C-alpha atoms as a PDB file:
ATOM      1  CA  MET A   1     -42.120  46.491  34.379  1.00  0.00           C
ATOM      2  CA  LYS A   2     -39.633  47.970  31.909  1.00  0.00           C
ATOM      3  CA  LYS A   3     -36.845  46.808  34.183  1.00  0.00           C
ATOM      4  CA  LEU A   4     -38.243  43.267  34.246  1.00  0.00           C
ATOM      5  CA  ILE A   5     -38.583  43.245  30.486  1.00  0.00           C
ATOM      6  CA  GLY A   6     -34.974  44.414  30.153  1.00  0.00           C
ATOM      7  CA  VAL A   7     -33.757  41.671  32.466  1.00  0.00           C
ATOM      8  CA  ALA A   8     -35.741  39.083  30.543  1.00  0.00           C
ATOM      9  CA  LEU A   9     -34.302  40.240  27.205  1.00  0.00           C
ATOM     10  CA  ALA A  10     -30.787  40.179  28.610  1.00  0.00           C
ATOM     11  CA  PHE A  11     -31.396  36.650  29.874  1.00  0.00           C
ATOM     12  CA  LEU A  12     -32.612  35.520  26.455  1.00  0.00           C
ATOM     13  CA  VAL A  13     -29.600  37.072  24.743  1.00  0.00           C
ATOM     14  CA  CYS A  14     -27.264  35.287  27.171  1.00  0.00           C
ATOM     15  CA  CYS A  15     -29.058  32.018  26.543  1.00  0.00           C
ATOM     16  CA  SER A  16     -28.673  32.510  22.776  1.00  0.00           C
ATOM     17  CA  PHE A  17     -24.938  33.103  23.123  1.00  0.00           C
ATOM     18  CA  LEU A  18     -24.658  30.083  25.413  1.00  0.00           C
ATOM     19  CA  THR A  19     -26.545  27.873  22.974  1.00  0.00           C
ATOM     20  CA  ALA A  20     -24.347  29.071  20.110  1.00  0.00           C
ATOM     21  CA  ALA A  21     -21.215  28.449  22.172  1.00  0.00           C
ATOM     22  CA  VAL A  22     -22.372  24.946  23.053  1.00  0.00           C
ATOM     23  CA  GLY A  23     -23.116  24.323  19.377  1.00  0.00           C
ATOM     24  CA  VAL A  24     -19.634  25.465  18.367  1.00  0.00           C
ATOM     25  CA  ALA A  25     -18.038  23.342  21.076  1.00  0.00           C
ATOM     26  CA  GLY A  26     -20.084  20.357  19.934  1.00  0.00           C
ATOM     27  CA  ALA A  27     -18.952  20.899  16.358  1.00  0.00           C
ATOM     28  CA  GLN A  28     -15.346  21.160  17.465  1.00  0.00           C
ATOM     29  CA  GLU A  29     -15.640  17.921  19.414  1.00  0.00           C
ATOM     30  CA  LYS A  30     -16.696  15.910  16.346  1.00  0.00           C
ATOM     31  CA  VAL A  31     -14.292  12.993  15.912  1.00  0.00           C
ATOM     32  CA  TYR A  32     -14.238  11.166  12.580  1.00  0.00           C
ATOM     33  CA  ARG A  33     -13.769   7.400  12.843  1.00  0.00           C
ATOM     34  CA  ILE A  34     -11.787   5.669  10.095  1.00  0.00           C
ATOM     35  CA  ALA A  35     -11.445   1.895   9.763  1.00  0.00           C
ATOM     36  CA  TYR A  36      -8.163   1.128   7.992  1.00  0.00           C
ATOM     37  CA  ILE A  37      -8.221  -2.393   6.541  1.00  0.00           C
ATOM     38  CA  ALA A  38      -4.738  -3.638   5.643  1.00  0.00           C
ATOM     39  CA  ARG A  39      -4.419  -6.499   3.189  1.00  0.00           C
ATOM     40  CA  ALA A  40      -2.070  -8.396   5.552  1.00  0.00           C
ATOM     41  CA  GLN A  41      -0.035  -7.170   8.499  1.00  0.00           C
ATOM     42  CA  GLY A  42       2.409 -10.033   7.936  1.00  0.00           C
ATOM     43  CA  ASP A  43       3.429  -8.382   4.644  1.00  0.00           C
ATOM     44  CA  SER A  44       6.314  -5.979   5.278  1.00  0.00           C
ATOM     45  CA  PHE A  45       4.992  -3.272   2.962  1.00  0.00           C
ATOM     46  CA  ALA A  46       1.443  -3.535   4.287  1.00  0.00           C
ATOM     47  CA  ALA A  47       2.771  -3.217   7.846  1.00  0.00           C
ATOM     48  CA  TRP A  48       4.864  -0.184   6.837  1.00  0.00           C
ATOM     49  CA  LEU A  49       1.805   1.460   5.283  1.00  0.00           C
ATOM     50  CA  ALA A  50      -0.410   0.733   8.299  1.00  0.00           C
ATOM     51  CA  ASN A  51       2.147   2.278  10.637  1.00  0.00           C
ATOM     52  CA  ALA A  52       2.522   5.296   8.342  1.00  0.00           C
ATOM     53  CA  ILE A  53      -1.245   5.843   8.349  1.00  0.00           C
ATOM     54  CA  ARG A  54      -1.379   5.645  12.152  1.00  0.00           C
ATOM     55  CA  ASP A  55       1.469   8.162  12.391  1.00  0.00           C
ATOM     56  CA  GLU A  56      -0.090  10.524   9.841  1.00  0.00           C
ATOM     57  CA  VAL A  57      -3.384  10.622  11.737  1.00  0.00           C
ATOM     58  CA  ALA A  58      -1.694  11.055  15.128  1.00  0.00           C
ATOM     59  CA  ARG A  59       0.566  13.832  13.852  1.00  0.00           C
ATOM     60  CA  ASN A  60      -1.841  15.922  11.773  1.00  0.00           C
ATOM     61  CA  TYR A  61      -5.485  15.045  12.476  1.00  0.00           C
ATOM     62  CA  PRO A  62      -6.533  15.548  16.115  1.00  0.00           C
ATOM     63  CA  ASP A  63     -10.200  15.119  15.167  1.00  0.00           C
ATOM     64  CA  VAL A  64      -9.675  11.713  13.517  1.00  0.00           C
ATOM     65  CA  ARG A  65      -9.406   8.289  15.114  1.00  0.00           C
ATOM     66  CA  VAL A  66      -8.137   5.381  13.032  1.00  0.00           C
ATOM     67  CA  ASP A  67      -8.466   1.702  13.906  1.00  0.00           C
ATOM     68  CA  VAL A  68      -6.350  -0.799  11.958  1.00  0.00           C
ATOM     69  CA  PHE A  69      -7.698  -4.215  10.944  1.00  0.00           C
ATOM     70  CA  ASP A  70      -5.633  -7.088   9.506  1.00  0.00           C
ATOM     71  CA  GLY A  71      -7.010  -8.650   6.322  1.00  0.00           C
ATOM     72  CA  GLN A  72      -4.649 -11.650   6.684  1.00  0.00           C
ATOM     73  CA  SER A  73      -4.399 -11.970   2.868  1.00  0.00           C
ATOM     74  CA  ARG A  74      -7.894 -13.498   2.841  1.00  0.00           C
ATOM     75  CA  ASN A  75     -10.781 -11.985   0.919  1.00  0.00           C
ATOM     76  CA  GLU A  76     -13.377 -13.338   3.346  1.00  0.00           C
ATOM     77  CA  VAL A  77     -11.599 -11.683   6.288  1.00  0.00           C
ATOM     78  CA  ILE A  78     -11.417  -8.349   4.440  1.00  0.00           C
ATOM     79  CA  THR A  79     -15.127  -8.610   3.587  1.00  0.00           C
ATOM     80  CA  ALA A  80     -15.948  -9.279   7.247  1.00  0.00           C
ATOM     81  CA  HIS A  81     -13.929  -6.222   8.319  1.00  0.00           C
ATOM     82  CA  ILE A  82     -15.792  -4.043   5.788  1.00  0.00           C
ATOM     83  CA  GLU A  83     -19.164  -5.331   6.996  1.00  0.00           C
ATOM     84  CA  ASN A  84     -18.203  -4.810  10.646  1.00  0.00           C
ATOM     85  CA  ALA A  85     -17.097  -1.251   9.893  1.00  0.00           C
ATOM     86  CA  VAL A  86     -20.601  -0.566   8.558  1.00  0.00           C
ATOM     87  CA  VAL A  87     -22.294  -2.182  11.567  1.00  0.00           C
ATOM     88  CA  ASN A  88     -20.059  -0.206  13.937  1.00  0.00           C
ATOM     89  CA  ARG A  89     -20.865   3.038  12.115  1.00  0.00           C
ATOM     90  CA  TYR A  90     -17.422   4.131  11.059  1.00  0.00           C
ATOM     91  CA  ASP A  91     -17.464   7.326   9.037  1.00  0.00           C
ATOM     92  CA  LEU A  92     -15.042   6.045   6.419  1.00  0.00           C
ATOM     93  CA  ILE A  93     -13.279   2.853   5.378  1.00  0.00           C
ATOM     94  CA  LEU A  94      -9.704   3.251   4.124  1.00  0.00           C
ATOM     95  CA  LEU A  95      -9.055   0.015   2.259  1.00  0.00           C
ATOM     96  CA  GLN A  96      -5.858  -1.556   0.968  1.00  0.00           C
ATOM     97  CA  PRO A  97      -7.390  -4.041  -1.501  1.00  0.00           C
ATOM     98  CA  LEU A  98      -6.023  -7.557  -1.819  1.00  0.00           C
ATOM     99  CA  ASP A  99      -8.183  -8.601  -4.794  1.00  0.00           C
ATOM    100  CA  SER A 100      -9.325  -5.801  -7.092  1.00  0.00           C
ATOM    101  CA  GLU A 101     -12.503  -7.661  -8.076  1.00  0.00           C
ATOM    102  CA  ALA A 102     -13.387  -9.488  -4.845  1.00  0.00           C
ATOM    103  CA  GLN A 103     -13.452  -6.250  -2.858  1.00  0.00           C
ATOM    104  CA  VAL A 104     -15.856  -4.456  -5.251  1.00  0.00           C
ATOM    105  CA  ALA A 105     -19.129  -5.863  -3.888  1.00  0.00           C
ATOM    106  CA  PRO A 106     -18.425  -5.328  -0.162  1.00  0.00           C
ATOM    107  CA  ALA A 107     -17.009  -1.841  -0.797  1.00  0.00           C
ATOM    108  CA  MET A 108     -20.049  -0.834  -2.864  1.00  0.00           C
ATOM    109  CA  ALA A 109     -22.382  -2.271  -0.203  1.00  0.00           C
ATOM    110  CA  ALA A 110     -20.620  -0.152   2.421  1.00  0.00           C
ATOM    111  CA  MET A 111     -21.027   2.977   0.282  1.00  0.00           C
ATOM    112  CA  ASP A 112     -24.702   2.170  -0.298  1.00  0.00           C
ATOM    113  CA  ALA A 113     -25.073   1.939   3.496  1.00  0.00           C
ATOM    114  CA  GLY A 114     -23.684   5.450   3.871  1.00  0.00           C
ATOM    115  CA  VAL A 115     -20.066   4.678   4.809  1.00  0.00           C
ATOM    116  CA  LYS A 116     -17.501   6.418   2.621  1.00  0.00           C
ATOM    117  CA  VAL A 117     -14.709   4.295   1.078  1.00  0.00           C
ATOM    118  CA  VAL A 118     -11.221   5.300  -0.119  1.00  0.00           C
ATOM    119  CA  THR A 119      -8.701   2.772  -1.434  1.00  0.00           C
ATOM    120  CA  VAL A 120      -4.929   3.036  -1.093  1.00  0.00           C
ATOM    121  CA  ASN A 121      -2.019   1.075  -2.617  1.00  0.00           C
ATOM    122  CA  ASN A 122      -4.302  -0.699  -5.060  1.00  0.00           C
ATOM    123  CA  ARG A 123      -7.693  -0.012  -6.556  1.00  0.00           C
ATOM    124  CA  ILE A 124     -10.915  -1.927  -6.900  1.00  0.00           C
ATOM    125  CA  ASN A 125     -12.539  -2.408 -10.269  1.00  0.00           C
ATOM    126  CA  ASP A 126     -14.970   0.470  -9.774  1.00  0.00           C
ATOM    127  CA  ASN A 127     -12.974   3.687 -10.008  1.00  0.00           C
ATOM    128  CA  ASP A 128     -16.110   5.663 -10.886  1.00  0.00           C
ATOM    129  CA  ARG A 129     -17.306   5.389  -7.282  1.00  0.00           C
ATOM    130  CA  ALA A 130     -14.265   4.636  -5.139  1.00  0.00           C
ATOM    131  CA  PRO A 131     -11.670   7.412  -4.679  1.00  0.00           C
ATOM    132  CA  ALA A 132      -8.100   6.129  -4.559  1.00  0.00           C
ATOM    133  CA  VAL A 133      -4.462   6.914  -3.841  1.00  0.00           C
ATOM    134  CA  ASP A 134      -2.075   4.679  -5.745  1.00  0.00           C
ATOM    135  CA  ALA A 135       1.025   4.365  -7.932  1.00  0.00           C
ATOM    136  CA  ASP A 136       1.251   3.148 -11.531  1.00  0.00           C
ATOM    137  CA  PRO A 137       2.095  -0.584 -11.282  1.00  0.00           C
ATOM    138  CA  VAL A 138       3.100  -0.843 -14.948  1.00  0.00           C
ATOM    139  CA  GLU A 139       5.669   1.907 -14.517  1.00  0.00           C
ATOM    140  CA  GLN A 140       6.847   0.437 -11.195  1.00  0.00           C
ATOM    141  CA  ALA A 141       7.838  -2.706 -13.064  1.00  0.00           C
ATOM    142  CA  ALA A 142       8.989  -0.948 -16.222  1.00  0.00           C
ATOM    143  CA  ARG A 143      11.733   1.022 -14.458  1.00  0.00           C
ATOM    144  CA  ASN A 144      13.225  -2.213 -13.128  1.00  0.00           C
ATOM    145  CA  ALA A 145      12.684  -3.980 -16.422  1.00  0.00           C
ATOM    146  CA  ARG A 146      14.557  -1.393 -18.462  1.00  0.00           C
ATOM    147  CA  LEU A 147      17.530  -1.826 -16.154  1.00  0.00           C
ATOM    148  CA  ALA A 148      17.270  -5.618 -16.303  1.00  0.00           C
ATOM    149  CA  ARG A 149      17.213  -5.471 -20.094  1.00  0.00           C
ATOM    150  CA  GLU A 150      20.865  -4.354 -19.946  1.00  0.00           C
ATOM    151  CA  GLN A 151      21.915  -6.548 -17.014  1.00  0.00           C
ATOM    152  CA  VAL A 152      20.499 -10.041 -17.579  1.00  0.00           C
ATOM    153  CA  PRO A 153      23.027 -12.077 -19.615  1.00  0.00           C
ATOM    154  CA  GLN A 154      22.346 -13.420 -23.097  1.00  0.00           C
ATOM    155  CA  ASN A 155      20.123 -16.513 -22.963  1.00  0.00           C
ATOM    156  CA  GLY A 156      19.463 -15.684 -19.306  1.00  0.00           C
ATOM    157  CA  ARG A 157      17.423 -18.059 -17.155  1.00  0.00           C
ATOM    158  CA  VAL A 158      14.911 -16.323 -14.891  1.00  0.00           C
ATOM    159  CA  VAL A 159      12.157 -17.123 -12.414  1.00  0.00           C
ATOM    160  CA  VAL A 160       9.092 -14.950 -11.762  1.00  0.00           C
ATOM    161  CA  LEU A 161       7.248 -14.410  -8.469  1.00  0.00           C
ATOM    162  CA  MET A 162       3.692 -13.083  -8.582  1.00  0.00           C
ATOM    163  CA  GLY A 163       1.393 -11.555  -5.998  1.00  0.00           C
ATOM    164  CA  PRO A 164      -2.116 -12.870  -5.249  1.00  0.00           C
ATOM    165  CA  ALA A 165      -4.360 -13.919  -8.123  1.00  0.00           C
ATOM    166  CA  GLY A 166      -6.698 -11.068  -9.014  1.00  0.00           C
ATOM    167  CA  ASN A 167      -4.471  -8.398  -7.499  1.00  0.00           C
ATOM    168  CA  MET A 168      -4.296  -5.537  -9.979  1.00  0.00           C
ATOM    169  CA  HIS A 169      -0.825  -4.420  -8.873  1.00  0.00           C
ATOM    170  CA  SER A 170       0.654  -7.882  -9.370  1.00  0.00           C
ATOM    171  CA  ASP A 171      -1.029  -8.373 -12.743  1.00  0.00           C
ATOM    172  CA  MET A 172      -0.087  -4.944 -14.083  1.00  0.00           C
ATOM    173  CA  ARG A 173       3.509  -5.145 -12.893  1.00  0.00           C
ATOM    174  CA  ARG A 174       3.738  -8.368 -14.873  1.00  0.00           C
ATOM    175  CA  VAL A 175       2.468  -6.412 -17.885  1.00  0.00           C
ATOM    176  CA  GLY A 176       5.240  -3.860 -17.316  1.00  0.00           C
ATOM    177  CA  TRP A 177       7.859  -6.609 -17.274  1.00  0.00           C
ATOM    178  CA  GLN A 178       6.449  -8.119 -20.453  1.00  0.00           C
ATOM    179  CA  LYS A 179       6.448  -4.819 -22.368  1.00  0.00           C
ATOM    180  CA  GLU A 180       9.805  -3.520 -21.198  1.00  0.00           C
ATOM    181  CA  PHE A 181      11.826  -6.700 -20.775  1.00  0.00           C
ATOM    182  CA  PHE A 182      10.507  -9.967 -22.190  1.00  0.00           C
ATOM    183  CA  ASP A 183       9.305  -8.423 -25.467  1.00  0.00           C
ATOM    184  CA  HIS A 184      12.805  -6.954 -25.949  1.00  0.00           C
ATOM    185  CA  ARG A 185      14.717 -10.035 -24.804  1.00  0.00           C
ATOM    186  CA  PRO A 186      13.300 -13.104 -26.603  1.00  0.00           C
ATOM    187  CA  ASP A 187      16.535 -14.939 -25.739  1.00  0.00           C
ATOM    188  CA  VAL A 188      15.580 -15.014 -22.033  1.00  0.00           C
ATOM    189  CA  VAL A 189      14.046 -18.243 -20.738  1.00  0.00           C
ATOM    190  CA  ILE A 190      11.384 -18.185 -17.984  1.00  0.00           C
ATOM    191  CA  LEU A 191      12.150 -21.342 -16.016  1.00  0.00           C
ATOM    192  CA  ASP A 192       9.046 -21.041 -13.836  1.00  0.00           C
ATOM    193  CA  GLU A 193       6.456 -18.502 -12.714  1.00  0.00           C
ATOM    194  CA  GLN A 194       4.450 -18.912  -9.508  1.00  0.00           C
ATOM    195  CA  ILE A 195       2.082 -17.026  -7.209  1.00  0.00           C
ATOM    196  CA  ALA A 196       3.711 -16.435  -3.816  1.00  0.00           C
ATOM    197  CA  ASN A 197       1.011 -14.048  -2.516  1.00  0.00           C
ATOM    198  CA  TRP A 198       3.452 -11.248  -1.551  1.00  0.00           C
ATOM    199  CA  ASN A 199       4.733 -13.697   1.078  1.00  0.00           C
ATOM    200  CA  LYS A 200       8.418 -14.114   1.950  1.00  0.00           C
ATOM    201  CA  ASP A 201       8.150 -17.697   3.179  1.00  0.00           C
ATOM    202  CA  GLU A 202       6.234 -18.879   0.123  1.00  0.00           C
ATOM    203  CA  ALA A 203       8.794 -17.246  -2.168  1.00  0.00           C
ATOM    204  CA  MET A 204      11.645 -18.865  -0.255  1.00  0.00           C
ATOM    205  CA  ARG A 205      10.083 -22.307  -0.669  1.00  0.00           C
ATOM    206  CA  PHE A 206       9.596 -21.795  -4.412  1.00  0.00           C
ATOM    207  CA  MET A 207      13.197 -20.654  -4.773  1.00  0.00           C
ATOM    208  CA  GLU A 208      14.510 -23.651  -2.847  1.00  0.00           C
ATOM    209  CA  ASP A 209      12.656 -25.942  -5.277  1.00  0.00           C
ATOM    210  CA  TRP A 210      13.853 -23.992  -8.315  1.00  0.00           C
ATOM    211  CA  ILE A 211      17.477 -24.181  -7.258  1.00  0.00           C
ATOM    212  CA  LEU A 212      17.199 -27.950  -6.929  1.00  0.00           C
ATOM    213  CA  THR A 213      15.260 -28.317 -10.187  1.00  0.00           C
ATOM    214  CA  TYR A 214      17.040 -25.898 -12.512  1.00  0.00           C
ATOM    215  CA  GLY A 215      20.470 -25.300 -11.057  1.00  0.00           C
ATOM    216  CA  LYS A 216      21.766 -22.112 -12.652  1.00  0.00           C
ATOM    217  CA  ILE A 217      19.348 -19.169 -12.379  1.00  0.00           C
ATOM    218  CA  ASP A 218      20.426 -15.719 -13.545  1.00  0.00           C
ATOM    219  CA  ALA A 219      17.656 -13.501 -12.174  1.00  0.00           C
ATOM    220  CA  ILE A 220      14.711 -13.319  -9.795  1.00  0.00           C
ATOM    221  CA  ILE A 221      11.912 -11.148 -11.144  1.00  0.00           C
ATOM    222  CA  SER A 222       9.561 -10.411  -8.277  1.00  0.00           C
ATOM    223  CA  MET A 223       6.435  -8.282  -8.169  1.00  0.00           C
ATOM    224  CA  ASN A 224       7.338  -7.048  -4.687  1.00  0.00           C
ATOM    225  CA  ASP A 225      10.313  -6.737  -2.326  1.00  0.00           C
ATOM    226  CA  ASN A 226       9.035  -9.185   0.272  1.00  0.00           C
ATOM    227  CA  MET A 227       9.015 -12.106  -2.165  1.00  0.00           C
ATOM    228  CA  ALA A 228      12.395 -11.090  -3.595  1.00  0.00           C
ATOM    229  CA  ALA A 229      13.847 -11.056  -0.074  1.00  0.00           C
ATOM    230  CA  GLY A 230      12.454 -14.530   0.597  1.00  0.00           C
ATOM    231  CA  ALA A 231      13.916 -15.903  -2.626  1.00  0.00           C
ATOM    232  CA  LEU A 232      17.282 -14.354  -1.758  1.00  0.00           C
ATOM    233  CA  GLU A 233      17.261 -16.095   1.613  1.00  0.00           C
ATOM    234  CA  ALA A 234      17.061 -19.377  -0.301  1.00  0.00           C
ATOM    235  CA  THR A 235      19.965 -18.423  -2.575  1.00  0.00           C
ATOM    236  CA  LYS A 236      22.048 -17.419   0.445  1.00  0.00           C
ATOM    237  CA  ALA A 237      21.382 -20.776   2.112  1.00  0.00           C
ATOM    238  CA  ALA A 238      22.440 -22.513  -1.114  1.00  0.00           C
ATOM    239  CA  GLY A 239      25.666 -20.500  -1.299  1.00  0.00           C
ATOM    240  CA  ILE A 240      24.583 -18.608  -4.427  1.00  0.00           C
ATOM    241  CA  SER A 241      25.676 -14.985  -4.661  1.00  0.00           C
ATOM    242  CA  ASP A 242      25.852 -14.228  -8.400  1.00  0.00           C
ATOM    243  CA  ILE A 243      22.147 -13.676  -9.036  1.00  0.00           C
ATOM    244  CA  LEU A 244      20.186 -10.584 -10.030  1.00  0.00           C
ATOM    245  CA  ALA A 245      17.009  -9.739  -8.103  1.00  0.00           C
ATOM    246  CA  TYR A 246      14.375  -7.089  -8.780  1.00  0.00           C
ATOM    247  CA  GLY A 247      11.414  -5.994  -6.639  1.00  0.00           C
ATOM    248  CA  VAL A 248       8.910  -3.218  -5.970  1.00  0.00           C
ATOM    249  CA  ASP A 249       8.160  -1.229  -2.789  1.00  0.00           C
ATOM    250  CA  GLY A 250      11.435   0.205  -1.524  1.00  0.00           C
ATOM    251  CA  THR A 251      11.073  -1.383   1.907  1.00  0.00           C
ATOM    252  CA  ALA A 252      13.775  -0.913   4.525  1.00  0.00           C
ATOM    253  CA  GLU A 253      14.850  -4.549   4.074  1.00  0.00           C
ATOM    254  CA  ALA A 254      15.146  -4.183   0.296  1.00  0.00           C
ATOM    255  CA  CYS A 255      17.193  -0.998   0.620  1.00  0.00           C
ATOM    256  CA  LEU A 256      19.658  -2.718   2.932  1.00  0.00           C
ATOM    257  CA  LEU A 257      19.909  -5.690   0.562  1.00  0.00           C
ATOM    258  CA  ILE A 258      20.607  -3.318  -2.343  1.00  0.00           C
ATOM    259  CA  ARG A 259      23.243  -1.467  -0.321  1.00  0.00           C
ATOM    260  CA  ASP A 260      24.951  -4.779   0.450  1.00  0.00           C
ATOM    261  CA  GLY A 261      24.922  -5.871  -3.207  1.00  0.00           C
ATOM    262  CA  VAL A 262      22.493  -8.747  -2.595  1.00  0.00           C
ATOM    263  CA  MET A 263      19.453  -7.302  -4.351  1.00  0.00           C
ATOM    264  CA  THR A 264      19.762  -5.423  -7.649  1.00  0.00           C
ATOM    265  CA  SER A 265      17.002  -2.814  -7.690  1.00  0.00           C
ATOM    266  CA  THR A 266      13.501  -1.904  -6.627  1.00  0.00           C
ATOM    267  CA  THR A 267      11.061   0.917  -7.285  1.00  0.00           C
ATOM    268  CA  LEU A 268       9.762   2.927  -4.389  1.00  0.00           C
ATOM    269  CA  GLN A 269       6.185   2.912  -3.221  1.00  0.00           C
ATOM    270  CA  SER A 270       6.558   5.409  -0.433  1.00  0.00           C
ATOM    271  CA  ALA A 271       4.244   4.348   2.369  1.00  0.00           C
ATOM    272  CA  TYR A 272       4.791   7.785   3.891  1.00  0.00           C
ATOM    273  CA  GLU A 273       3.560   9.572   0.773  1.00  0.00           C
ATOM    274  CA  LEU A 274       0.689   7.131   0.274  1.00  0.00           C
ATOM    275  CA  ALA A 275      -0.364   7.620   3.902  1.00  0.00           C
ATOM    276  CA  GLU A 276      -0.127  11.402   3.712  1.00  0.00           C
ATOM    277  CA  LYS A 277      -2.220  11.611   0.555  1.00  0.00           C
ATOM    278  CA  ALA A 278      -4.701   8.865   1.520  1.00  0.00           C
ATOM    279  CA  VAL A 279      -5.485  10.307   4.946  1.00  0.00           C
ATOM    280  CA  GLY A 280      -5.638  13.801   3.432  1.00  0.00           C
ATOM    281  CA  LEU A 281      -8.084  12.652   0.755  1.00  0.00           C
ATOM    282  CA  ALA A 282     -10.165  10.762   3.327  1.00  0.00           C
ATOM    283  CA  TYR A 283     -10.345  13.877   5.507  1.00  0.00           C
ATOM    284  CA  ASP A 284     -11.352  16.097   2.599  1.00  0.00           C
ATOM    285  CA  ILE A 285     -14.129  13.647   1.734  1.00  0.00           C
ATOM    286  CA  LEU A 286     -15.293  13.429   5.350  1.00  0.00           C
ATOM    287  CA  THR A 287     -15.419  17.204   5.668  1.00  0.00           C
ATOM    288  CA  GLY A 288     -17.148  17.711   2.323  1.00  0.00           C
ATOM    289  CA  LYS A 289     -14.254  19.402   0.520  1.00  0.00           C
ATOM    290  CA  LYS A 290     -14.065  16.625  -2.085  1.00  0.00           C
ATOM    291  CA  GLU A 291     -16.266  13.820  -3.328  1.00  0.00           C
ATOM    292  CA  HIS A 292     -14.043  11.777  -5.647  1.00  0.00           C
ATOM    293  CA  GLU A 293     -10.420  11.862  -6.771  1.00  0.00           C
ATOM    294  CA  ILE A 294      -7.724   9.492  -8.023  1.00  0.00           C
ATOM    295  CA  ILE A 295      -4.254  10.516  -6.801  1.00  0.00           C
ATOM    296  CA  MET A 296      -1.089   8.884  -8.156  1.00  0.00           C
ATOM    297  CA  VAL A 297       2.352   8.942  -6.529  1.00  0.00           C
ATOM    298  CA  ASP A 298       5.728   8.522  -8.244  1.00  0.00           C
ATOM    299  CA  CYS A 299       7.889   5.378  -8.201  1.00  0.00           C
ATOM    300  CA  PRO A 300      11.621   6.248  -8.400  1.00  0.00           C
ATOM    301  CA  LEU A 301      14.113   3.484  -9.177  1.00  0.00           C
ATOM    302  CA  ILE A 302      16.414   2.528  -6.296  1.00  0.00           C
ATOM    303  CA  THR A 303      19.854   1.044  -7.043  1.00  0.00           C
ATOM    304  CA  GLN A 304      23.214   0.995  -5.283  1.00  0.00           C
ATOM    305  CA  GLU A 305      23.903   4.435  -6.743  1.00  0.00           C
ATOM    306  CA  ASN A 306      21.147   6.187  -4.797  1.00  0.00           C
ATOM    307  CA  VAL A 307      20.094   3.728  -2.088  1.00  0.00           C
ATOM    308  CA  GLU A 308      21.723   5.637   0.771  1.00  0.00           C
ATOM    309  CA  GLU A 309      19.222   8.477   0.498  1.00  0.00           C
ATOM    310  CA  TYR A 310      16.338   6.027   0.914  1.00  0.00           C
ATOM    311  CA  ILE A 311      18.051   4.242   3.775  1.00  0.00           C
ATOM    312  CA  GLU A 312      18.300   7.639   5.474  1.00  0.00           C
ATOM    313  CA  VAL A 313      14.553   8.168   4.969  1.00  0.00           C
ATOM    314  CA  HIS A 314      13.860   4.813   6.632  1.00  0.00           C
ATOM    315  CA  ARG A 315      16.332   5.622   9.404  1.00  0.00           C
ATOM    316  CA  ARG A 316      14.615   8.920  10.194  1.00  0.00           C
ATOM    317  CA  ALA A 317      11.282   7.128  10.306  1.00  0.00           C
ATOM    318  CA  GLY A 318      12.631   4.537  12.741  1.00  0.00           C
ATOM    319  CA  ASN A 319      12.435   1.604  10.287  1.00  0.00           C
ATOM    320  CA  ILE A 320      16.223   1.160  10.422  1.00  0.00           C
ATOM    321  CA  GLN A 321      18.187   1.527  13.652  1.00  0.00           C
END
């Protein structure tokens, strides 16, 4: 009998260890599902950021799977992606907002349904609930504007290209330009100011019209690199080379244009740094290490003097061959 009891106890102990081992294995096999919703994959910076997020997850987070969804620069499409992420039980939505107000309601609804939300490269108008990784859009513009203050000729004639209506980054970069350039240079004339929705083709069409309408234009003031590049395509087609052009993002295309003396300056929004910090924050929230945080990245000015170092960064990342 004692022998049977001993065998039974040994069996129970083995079963306990086995159950614990299975539990540990199950815990190790947990895979967190993140839905990354890009504002528009047709936007060069948004595409750069989406690729950087994919790479960051693949390189450093074996227990995370990220699926990328294209917002197509349409609020209704972004809302649908958020709602689908809830229905499909993603653990977290990583959102690149297009419209800081329009994305509040769907993001809050997702959080109320139990899906965590982190924003990157823009914020929604509810920072108390939504963690974020971003850069200061006022300072992004201000660093260009302080340079332009010394470069734009007296009585200069400029055009302004804006991002989507309601986009906090576009609006606040415009504030930076006002404070650091227009308020200091009352002699400068704004010939026209239009919303080109971060889009290269729209900016090119506006610039083509402005060249025909106004003739001499001294500077292109753009709230991002993609629109500046589009406007510069129009000036190239018109045979214009003596024009200043300022952007924001530090894309590979903008860096090459600066190197070649076509574009004047930009401020960097490093998609690599944004991706690293956004995925890291998302993971900390998923694993319970953090609940809420706002993380800001720097925005160095890029000119011909230092552009080669940023071109090398893009080259190492495969963005420039």
